[in-house]
Amino acid sequence: MRPEDWPEVERIYAASEEIGLWTLQASVFAVNLVSLRLHEQAGFRLVGTRERIAQRDGRWHDTVMLERRSPVVAIRLASSSFPAR
C-alpha cells in the first residue's frame, strides 16, 4: 500500500506540513509486523527499539520507534521561510 492509496494518511501528512511539523513519530509493538510494514510503506523509517517498555496481557514487549520526516517542511526550514514547531 502506498500513502496515496490511503487518503487518511495523505490528509494527516498535509495537515502536519501545513502547520510546520517536520517529524511524525510512531511507536509500535515489535511483534506487530503488519503495522510495522504499513508504517514503512507510508514513509516511516526505523529509529530504534525500546526493550521491555510496554506491558500487554501481562507480558513485557519491545516497541519499535519510527519516524517520518516531511520533505516539504524540510525545504521550508532550509529556506527559513516557515517556522518549525
C-alpha atoms as a PDB file:
ATOM      1  CA  MET A   1       0.000   0.000   0.000  1.00  0.00           C
ATOM      2  CA  ARG A   2       1.312   3.406  -0.987  1.00  0.00           C
ATOM      3  CA  PRO A   3       0.403   6.535   1.021  1.00  0.00           C
ATOM      4  CA  GLU A   4      -1.594   7.895  -1.908  1.00  0.00           C
ATOM      5  CA  ASP A   5      -3.765   4.750  -1.686  1.00  0.00           C
ATOM      6  CA  TRP A   6      -4.596   5.636   1.902  1.00  0.00           C
ATOM      7  CA  PRO A   7      -6.435   9.005   1.894  1.00  0.00           C
ATOM      8  CA  GLU A   8      -6.399   9.350   5.689  1.00  0.00           C
ATOM      9  CA  VAL A   9      -2.593   9.205   5.721  1.00  0.00           C
ATOM     10  CA  GLU A  10      -2.368  11.810   2.987  1.00  0.00           C
ATOM     11  CA  ARG A  11      -4.666  14.124   4.982  1.00  0.00           C
ATOM     12  CA  ILE A  12      -2.526  13.684   8.114  1.00  0.00           C
ATOM     13  CA  TYR A  13       0.635  14.436   6.141  1.00  0.00           C
ATOM     14  CA  ALA A  14      -0.898  17.532   4.526  1.00  0.00           C
ATOM     15  CA  ALA A  15      -2.241  18.854   7.842  1.00  0.00           C
ATOM     16  CA  SER A  16       1.058  18.302   9.646  1.00  0.00           C
ATOM     17  CA  GLU A  17       3.006  20.006   6.851  1.00  0.00           C
ATOM     18  CA  GLU A  18       0.590  22.928   6.813  1.00  0.00           C
ATOM     19  CA  ILE A  19       1.388  23.705  10.456  1.00  0.00           C
ATOM     20  CA  GLY A  20       5.106  23.073  10.011  1.00  0.00           C
ATOM     21  CA  LEU A  21       5.599  19.699  11.689  1.00  0.00           C
ATOM     22  CA  TRP A  22       8.783  18.255  10.270  1.00  0.00           C
ATOM     23  CA  THR A  23       8.694  14.890  12.043  1.00  0.00           C
ATOM     24  CA  LEU A  24       5.860  12.478  12.789  1.00  0.00           C
ATOM     25  CA  GLN A  25       6.668   9.722  15.272  1.00  0.00           C
ATOM     26  CA  ALA A  26       5.121   6.329  15.986  1.00  0.00           C
ATOM     27  CA  SER A  27       5.730   3.553  18.475  1.00  0.00           C
ATOM     28  CA  VAL A  28       4.610   0.031  17.540  1.00  0.00           C
ATOM     29  CA  PHE A  29       4.902  -3.301  19.330  1.00  0.00           C
ATOM     30  CA  ALA A  30       7.822  -5.146  17.730  1.00  0.00           C
ATOM     31  CA  VAL A  31       5.669  -8.252  17.252  1.00  0.00           C
ATOM     32  CA  ASN A  32       3.120  -6.287  15.180  1.00  0.00           C
ATOM     33  CA  LEU A  33       4.740  -6.960  11.817  1.00  0.00           C
ATOM     34  CA  VAL A  34       1.694  -5.846   9.818  1.00  0.00           C
ATOM     35  CA  SER A  35       1.694  -2.400  11.446  1.00  0.00           C
ATOM     36  CA  LEU A  36       5.459  -2.078  11.022  1.00  0.00           C
ATOM     37  CA  ARG A  37       5.124  -2.892   7.319  1.00  0.00           C
ATOM     38  CA  LEU A  38       2.270  -0.392   6.880  1.00  0.00           C
ATOM     39  CA  HIS A  39       4.304   2.339   8.559  1.00  0.00           C
ATOM     40  CA  GLU A  40       7.256   1.524   6.309  1.00  0.00           C
ATOM     41  CA  GLN A  41       5.048   1.704   3.225  1.00  0.00           C
ATOM     42  CA  ALA A  42       3.662   5.029   4.461  1.00  0.00           C
ATOM     43  CA  GLY A  43       7.157   6.528   4.528  1.00  0.00           C
ATOM     44  CA  PHE A  44       8.253   5.928   8.119  1.00  0.00           C
ATOM     45  CA  ARG A  45      11.771   4.729   8.942  1.00  0.00           C
ATOM     46  CA  LEU A  46      13.126   2.756  11.868  1.00  0.00           C
ATOM     47  CA  VAL A  47      14.691   4.906  14.585  1.00  0.00           C
ATOM     48  CA  GLY A  48      15.276   2.285  17.264  1.00  0.00           C
ATOM     49  CA  THR A  49      13.883  -0.327  19.604  1.00  0.00           C
ATOM     50  CA  ARG A  50      12.874   0.193  23.209  1.00  0.00           C
ATOM     51  CA  GLU A  51      13.257  -3.097  25.040  1.00  0.00           C
ATOM     52  CA  ARG A  52      10.626  -4.322  27.502  1.00  0.00           C
ATOM     53  CA  ILE A  53       8.965  -0.920  27.604  1.00  0.00           C
ATOM     54  CA  ALA A  54       5.274  -1.835  27.438  1.00  0.00           C
ATOM     55  CA  GLN A  55       3.074  -4.456  29.012  1.00  0.00           C
ATOM     56  CA  ARG A  56       0.232  -6.177  27.225  1.00  0.00           C
ATOM     57  CA  ASP A  57      -1.714  -9.126  28.553  1.00  0.00           C
ATOM     58  CA  GLY A  58       0.696  -9.380  31.472  1.00  0.00           C
ATOM     59  CA  ARG A  59       3.808  -9.708  29.260  1.00  0.00           C
ATOM     60  CA  TRP A  60       6.534  -7.189  28.605  1.00  0.00           C
ATOM     61  CA  HIS A  61       7.087  -6.230  24.973  1.00  0.00           C
ATOM     62  CA  ASP A  62       9.592  -4.263  22.957  1.00  0.00           C
ATOM     63  CA  THR A  63       8.371  -1.307  20.937  1.00  0.00           C
ATOM     64  CA  VAL A  64       9.834  -0.029  17.699  1.00  0.00           C
ATOM     65  CA  MET A  65      10.218   3.724  17.292  1.00  0.00           C
ATOM     66  CA  LEU A  66       9.512   5.012  13.793  1.00  0.00           C
ATOM     67  CA  GLU A  67       9.532   8.466  12.235  1.00  0.00           C
ATOM     68  CA  ARG A  68       8.603  10.201   9.026  1.00  0.00           C
ATOM     69  CA  ARG A  69      10.264  13.484   8.146  1.00  0.00           C
ATOM     70  CA  SER A  70       8.478  15.761   5.744  1.00  0.00           C
ATOM     71  CA  PRO A  71      10.403  16.740   2.631  1.00  0.00           C
ATOM     72  CA  VAL A  72       8.029  19.706   2.233  1.00  0.00           C
ATOM     73  CA  VAL A  73       8.782  21.154   5.665  1.00  0.00           C
ATOM     74  CA  ALA A  74      12.490  20.364   5.278  1.00  0.00           C
ATOM     75  CA  ILE A  75      12.622  22.628   2.214  1.00  0.00           C
ATOM     76  CA  ARG A  76      10.755  25.367   4.090  1.00  0.00           C
ATOM     77  CA  LEU A  77      13.110  25.056   7.047  1.00  0.00           C
ATOM     78  CA  ALA A  78      16.153  25.207   4.791  1.00  0.00           C
ATOM     79  CA  SER A  79      14.912  28.450   3.291  1.00  0.00           C
ATOM     80  CA  SER A  80      13.911  29.770   6.744  1.00  0.00           C
ATOM     81  CA  SER A  81      10.581  30.924   5.355  1.00  0.00           C
ATOM     82  CA  PHE A  82       8.461  28.696   7.582  1.00  0.00           C
ATOM     83  CA  PRO A  83       8.586  28.391  11.362  1.00  0.00           C
ATOM     84  CA  ALA A  84       9.282  24.923  12.737  1.00  0.00           C
ATOM     85  CA  ARG A  85       7.207  23.516  15.581  1.00  0.00           C
END
